[in-house]
C-alpha atoms as a PDB file:
ATOM      1  CA  UNK A   1     -22.634  33.278  22.196  1.00  0.00           C
ATOM      2  CA  UNK A   2     -23.205  34.698  18.743  1.00  0.00           C
ATOM      3  CA  UNK A   3     -19.990  36.697  19.062  1.00  0.00           C
ATOM      4  CA  UNK A   4     -18.041  33.533  19.886  1.00  0.00           C
ATOM      5  CA  UNK A   5     -19.394  31.685  16.849  1.00  0.00           C
ATOM      6  CA  UNK A   6     -18.630  34.645  14.580  1.00  0.00           C
ATOM      7  CA  UNK A   7     -15.001  34.734  15.690  1.00  0.00           C
ATOM      8  CA  UNK A   8     -14.275  31.058  16.339  1.00  0.00           C
ATOM      9  CA  UNK A   9     -16.901  29.217  14.283  1.00  0.00           C
ATOM     10  CA  UNK A  10     -14.539  28.026  11.573  1.00  0.00           C
ATOM     11  CA  UNK A  11     -11.962  26.931  14.155  1.00  0.00           C
ATOM     12  CA  UNK A  12     -14.566  24.964  16.098  1.00  0.00           C
ATOM     13  CA  UNK A  13     -15.757  23.250  12.919  1.00  0.00           C
ATOM     14  CA  UNK A  14     -12.170  22.404  11.942  1.00  0.00           C
ATOM     15  CA  UNK A  15     -11.397  20.894  15.343  1.00  0.00           C
ATOM     16  CA  UNK A  16     -14.600  18.833  15.285  1.00  0.00           C
ATOM     17  CA  UNK A  17     -13.777  17.572  11.771  1.00  0.00           C
ATOM     18  CA  UNK A  18     -10.281  16.525  12.860  1.00  0.00           C
ATOM     19  CA  UNK A  19     -11.692  14.704  15.888  1.00  0.00           C
ATOM     20  CA  UNK A  20     -14.216  12.939  13.627  1.00  0.00           C
ATOM     21  CA  UNK A  21     -11.475  11.810  11.211  1.00  0.00           C
ATOM     22  CA  UNK A  22      -9.359  10.499  14.087  1.00  0.00           C
ATOM     23  CA  UNK A  23     -12.380   8.618  15.432  1.00  0.00           C
ATOM     24  CA  UNK A  24     -13.070   7.016  12.054  1.00  0.00           C
ATOM     25  CA  UNK A  25      -9.427   5.987  11.688  1.00  0.00           C
ATOM     26  CA  UNK A  26      -9.435   4.372  15.122  1.00  0.00           C
ATOM     27  CA  UNK A  27     -12.597   2.443  14.249  1.00  0.00           C
ATOM     28  CA  UNK A  28     -11.212   1.212  10.919  1.00  0.00           C
ATOM     29  CA  UNK A  29      -7.605   0.559  11.881  1.00  0.00           C
ATOM     30  CA  UNK A  30      -8.238  -0.343  15.503  1.00  0.00           C
ATOM     31  CA  UNK A  31      -5.606  -1.335  17.998  1.00  0.00           C
ATOM     32  CA  UNK A  32      -5.915  -5.111  18.315  1.00  0.00           C
ATOM     33  CA  UNK A  33      -6.517  -8.229  16.263  1.00  0.00           C
ATOM     34  CA  UNK A  34     -10.221  -7.470  15.744  1.00  0.00           C
ATOM     35  CA  UNK A  35      -9.584  -4.547  13.383  1.00  0.00           C
ATOM     36  CA  UNK A  36     -10.303  -4.747   9.673  1.00  0.00           C
ATOM     37  CA  UNK A  37      -6.794  -3.714   8.644  1.00  0.00           C
ATOM     38  CA  UNK A  38      -5.121  -6.213  10.992  1.00  0.00           C
ATOM     39  CA  UNK A  39      -7.248  -9.077   9.653  1.00  0.00           C
ATOM     40  CA  UNK A  40      -6.534  -8.178   6.025  1.00  0.00           C
ATOM     41  CA  UNK A  41      -2.797  -7.825   6.625  1.00  0.00           C
ATOM     42  CA  UNK A  42      -2.683 -11.087   8.582  1.00  0.00           C
ATOM     43  CA  UNK A  43      -4.501 -12.967   5.816  1.00  0.00           C
ATOM     44  CA  UNK A  44      -2.134 -11.459   3.234  1.00  0.00           C
ATOM     45  CA  UNK A  45       0.976 -12.571   5.126  1.00  0.00           C
ATOM     46  CA  UNK A  46      -0.410 -16.050   5.847  1.00  0.00           C
ATOM     47  CA  UNK A  47      -1.418 -16.515   2.207  1.00  0.00           C
ATOM     48  CA  UNK A  48       2.028 -15.451   1.022  1.00  0.00           C
ATOM     49  CA  UNK A  49       3.703 -17.805   3.492  1.00  0.00           C
ATOM     50  CA  UNK A  50       1.592 -20.779   2.358  1.00  0.00           C
ATOM     51  CA  UNK A  51       2.169 -20.054  -1.346  1.00  0.00           C
ATOM     52  CA  UNK A  52       5.899 -19.600  -0.817  1.00  0.00           C
ATOM     53  CA  UNK A  53       6.137 -22.927   1.000  1.00  0.00           C
ATOM     54  CA  UNK A  54       4.129 -24.662  -1.713  1.00  0.00           C
ATOM     55  CA  UNK A  55       6.280 -23.174  -4.469  1.00  0.00           C
ATOM     56  CA  UNK A  56       9.462 -24.207  -2.656  1.00  0.00           C
ATOM     57  CA  UNK A  57       8.173 -27.737  -2.211  1.00  0.00           C
ATOM     58  CA  UNK A  58       7.852 -27.629   1.555  1.00  0.00           C
ATOM     59  CA  UNK A  59       4.891 -29.113   3.306  1.00  0.00           C
ATOM     60  CA  UNK A  60       2.652 -26.662   5.172  1.00  0.00           C
ATOM     61  CA  UNK A  61       2.143 -29.051   8.070  1.00  0.00           C
ATOM     62  CA  UNK A  62       5.051 -30.747   9.889  1.00  0.00           C
END
């Protein structure tokens, strides 16, 4: 076991770090409408759409 860690220790640590980064990215970005990034992007687009309609003189509600 000690021999394995001497030869492959840095590789094992690197692989575990990459897996941890991928896990964190999946938690933050997510894959559906409950993710933080999706909510922020959706609010940004909706805010822009409302401001553009107001500036153009259109009503937001039909």
